[in-house]
Amino acid sequence: MHFDVVIVGAGLAGATAARILAESGKKVLVVEKHKHIAGHCHDYKDENGITVHTYGPHIFHTNNKKVWDFVNRFTEFHYYQHKVLSYVEGKLIPFPINRDTLCEVF
């Protein structure tokens, strides 16, 4: 059997590359050592219907509409706002530190 592309690993990058290449008409073979795709983003529903994150919890965020639209073709998201604050000199500031944090502190 002939393939245009062979991708080793069906993690996030490999699975995404394979999908895009296949949608563009390429014949793609993906080789993965695990019994599941998505690499460390893998999760599943247990016998009670509870979502289990195999490799720990994950948060997906992007400001890129094209990326958001692509990912939403394959999954359903549950809204979650992750906000971490640090207490510095009597103030709560966003953490990890970014440009906004620096402006707020100084």
Protein backbone atom coordinates (compact mmCIF):
# COMPACT_ATOMS: atom_id res chain seq x y z
CA MET A 1 0.00 0.00 0.00
CA HIS A 2 1.29 3.49 -0.88
CA PHE A 3 1.04 6.55 1.35
CA ASP A 4 1.98 10.12 0.50
CA VAL A 5 2.87 10.85 4.12
CA VAL A 6 3.72 8.74 7.17
CA ILE A 7 3.33 10.47 10.53
CA VAL A 8 4.87 8.96 13.65
CA GLY A 9 2.81 9.84 16.70
CA ALA A 10 -0.85 10.76 16.99
CA GLY A 11 -0.39 13.40 19.67
CA LEU A 12 -1.83 16.86 19.20
CA ALA A 13 0.66 17.88 16.49
CA GLY A 14 0.67 14.54 14.65
CA ALA A 15 -3.11 14.16 14.66
CA THR A 16 -3.59 17.75 13.51
CA ALA A 17 -1.01 17.43 10.72
CA ALA A 18 -2.57 14.14 9.59
CA ARG A 19 -6.07 15.64 9.49
CA ILE A 20 -5.00 18.72 7.52
CA LEU A 21 -2.96 16.65 5.05
CA ALA A 22 -5.81 14.14 4.58
CA GLU A 23 -8.30 16.94 4.01
CA SER A 24 -5.98 18.33 1.33
CA GLY A 25 -6.14 15.01 -0.52
CA LYS A 26 -3.00 13.27 0.73
CA LYS A 27 -3.07 9.58 1.65
CA VAL A 28 -1.79 9.56 5.25
CA LEU A 29 -0.65 6.76 7.56
CA VAL A 30 -0.38 7.56 11.27
CA VAL A 31 1.67 5.22 13.47
CA GLU A 32 0.96 5.46 17.21
CA LYS A 33 2.27 3.28 20.05
CA HIS A 34 -0.62 3.97 22.43
CA LYS A 35 -4.16 2.60 22.11
CA HIS A 36 -5.51 6.15 21.88
CA ILE A 37 -4.89 9.34 19.93
CA ALA A 38 -4.39 12.88 21.24
CA GLY A 39 -1.23 12.25 23.25
CA HIS A 40 -1.33 13.97 26.62
CA CYS A 41 -4.66 15.62 25.75
CA HIS A 42 -6.40 12.23 25.90
CA ASP A 43 -9.40 11.76 28.14
CA TYR A 44 -12.28 9.32 28.35
CA LYS A 45 -15.59 8.72 30.14
CA ASP A 46 -15.43 6.14 32.92
CA GLU A 47 -18.22 3.67 33.75
CA ASN A 48 -20.04 6.43 35.69
CA GLY A 49 -19.90 8.92 32.83
CA ILE A 50 -17.21 11.02 34.49
CA THR A 51 -14.53 12.49 32.24
CA VAL A 52 -11.10 11.23 33.26
CA HIS A 53 -8.00 13.10 32.08
CA THR A 54 -5.46 10.31 31.61
CA TYR A 55 -2.43 12.56 32.02
CA GLY A 56 -3.88 15.21 34.32
CA PRO A 57 -6.23 18.15 33.73
CA HIS A 58 -5.82 20.36 30.69
CA ILE A 59 -6.91 23.86 29.79
CA PHE A 60 -7.22 24.86 26.13
CA HIS A 61 -7.08 28.52 25.23
CA THR A 62 -6.43 30.47 22.07
CA ASN A 63 -7.14 33.93 20.69
CA ASN A 64 -6.93 32.58 17.14
CA LYS A 65 -10.42 32.10 15.67
CA LYS A 66 -9.11 29.79 12.95
CA VAL A 67 -7.58 27.46 15.56
CA TRP A 68 -10.72 27.64 17.74
CA ASP A 69 -12.99 26.80 14.79
CA PHE A 70 -10.75 23.89 13.72
CA VAL A 71 -10.61 22.32 17.19
CA ASN A 72 -14.36 22.74 17.73
CA ARG A 73 -15.02 20.47 14.75
CA PHE A 74 -13.82 17.52 16.84
CA THR A 75 -14.79 18.14 20.45
CA GLU A 76 -17.12 19.88 22.83
CA PHE A 77 -15.75 22.25 25.45
CA HIS A 78 -16.99 22.98 28.93
CA TYR A 79 -16.51 26.63 29.88
CA TYR A 80 -13.90 27.14 32.55
CA GLN A 81 -12.11 30.33 33.52
CA HIS A 82 -8.70 29.71 35.03
CA LYS A 83 -7.50 32.63 37.12
CA VAL A 84 -4.47 32.53 39.41
CA LEU A 85 -3.55 35.46 41.63
CA SER A 86 -0.51 36.16 43.78
CA TYR A 87 -0.50 38.34 46.85
CA VAL A 88 2.31 40.91 46.46
CA GLU A 89 2.77 43.92 48.72
CA GLY A 90 -0.86 43.92 49.81
CA LYS A 91 -2.29 43.47 46.29
CA LEU A 92 -3.63 40.50 44.38
CA ILE A 93 -1.99 40.40 40.95
CA PRO A 94 -2.43 38.06 37.96
CA PHE A 95 0.00 35.15 37.82
CA PRO A 96 1.97 33.95 35.92
CA ILE A 97 3.49 37.37 35.44
CA ASN A 98 2.88 39.04 32.09
CA ARG A 99 2.96 42.58 30.73
CA ASP A 100 -0.37 43.45 32.38
CA THR A 101 0.95 42.26 35.74
CA LEU A 102 4.04 44.45 35.43
CA CYS A 103 1.91 47.48 34.58
CA GLU A 104 -0.33 46.81 37.58
CA VAL A 105 2.57 46.42 40.04
CA PHE A 106 4.77 49.24 38.76
